[in-house]
Structure formats: structure tokens, C-alpha cells
Protein backbone atom coordinates (compact mmCIF):
# COMPACT_ATOMS: atom_id res chain seq x y z
CA MET A 1 -33.86 68.56 -52.98
CA ASN A 2 -35.02 65.80 -50.67
CA SER A 3 -34.17 66.60 -47.03
CA GLU A 4 -35.01 63.11 -45.76
CA LYS A 5 -32.12 61.10 -44.31
CA CYS A 6 -31.43 57.38 -44.61
CA ALA A 7 -32.73 55.40 -41.62
CA VAL A 8 -29.52 53.32 -41.51
CA CYS A 9 -26.58 55.64 -42.31
CA ASP A 10 -28.27 59.05 -41.81
CA GLY A 11 -26.96 60.12 -45.23
CA ASP A 12 -28.76 62.22 -47.82
CA MET A 13 -30.87 60.36 -50.38
CA GLU A 14 -31.32 61.01 -54.08
CA HIS A 15 -34.03 58.34 -54.13
CA ALA A 16 -35.76 56.85 -51.10
CA TYR A 17 -36.13 53.06 -51.02
CA LEU A 18 -38.71 51.29 -48.87
CA PRO A 19 -37.22 48.59 -46.65
CA MET A 20 -38.81 45.13 -46.70
CA LYS A 21 -40.93 44.31 -43.65
CA GLU A 22 -38.62 41.51 -42.52
CA TRP A 23 -35.74 44.00 -42.23
CA LYS A 24 -37.58 45.72 -39.35
CA ILE A 25 -36.33 49.21 -40.29
CA ASP A 26 -38.45 52.31 -39.74
CA GLY A 27 -38.00 54.93 -42.44
CA HIS A 28 -36.51 54.96 -45.91
CA LEU A 29 -33.11 53.76 -47.11
CA CYS A 30 -30.56 55.27 -49.48
CA GLY A 31 -29.53 53.17 -52.48
CA ASP A 32 -26.29 51.98 -50.87
CA CYS A 33 -27.95 50.80 -47.65
CA TYR A 34 -30.81 49.18 -49.58
CA SER A 35 -28.30 47.23 -51.67
CA LYS A 36 -26.38 46.14 -48.55
CA LYS A 37 -29.55 44.96 -46.80
CA LEU A 38 -30.69 43.18 -49.94
CA SER A 39 -27.37 41.31 -50.08
CA GLU A 40 -27.59 40.40 -46.38
CA PHE A 41 -31.04 38.86 -46.70
CA TYR A 42 -30.65 37.49 -50.24
CA PRO A 43 -27.02 36.42 -50.85
CA GLY A 44 -25.74 36.15 -54.41
CA ASP A 45 -25.39 38.45 -57.39
CA HIS A 46 -28.00 41.15 -57.85
CA VAL A 47 -28.24 42.95 -61.16
CA ARG A 48 -30.32 46.12 -61.26
CA VAL A 49 -32.29 46.68 -64.43
CA ASP A 50 -33.39 50.15 -65.52
CA LEU A 51 -36.92 49.79 -66.86
CA SER A 52 -37.58 53.53 -67.10
CA ASP A 53 -37.52 53.48 -70.94
CA ASN A 54 -40.21 50.79 -71.15
């Protein structure tokens, strides 16, 4: 299990996301915080696509 914590909410992470440089965040983000930051910087609908089968 990954013991790293989210740089924003300090929560546990199943998958670590890298923040974009313009967000000025040190460390990795959990999926929820990544999605929130993405929405803040890029308003609108965001649909995640699972490409793991390709």
C-alpha cells in the first residue's frame, strides 16, 4: 500500500497524480484534489477516459 499522502488534503492515495507546474504545488495529489484543481484552472465539463484496455 502506498504510504504517500496528498499534498493538498493529506489523505491517502490509491494513485498519485502529478500537479501541473502552474498550480505551484509540491508533491503528489489524490484523484479528488487533482480533479478539483483541474476544474479550477480549466472550467467546464471534464470526462475521464480509461485507456488501459488499448
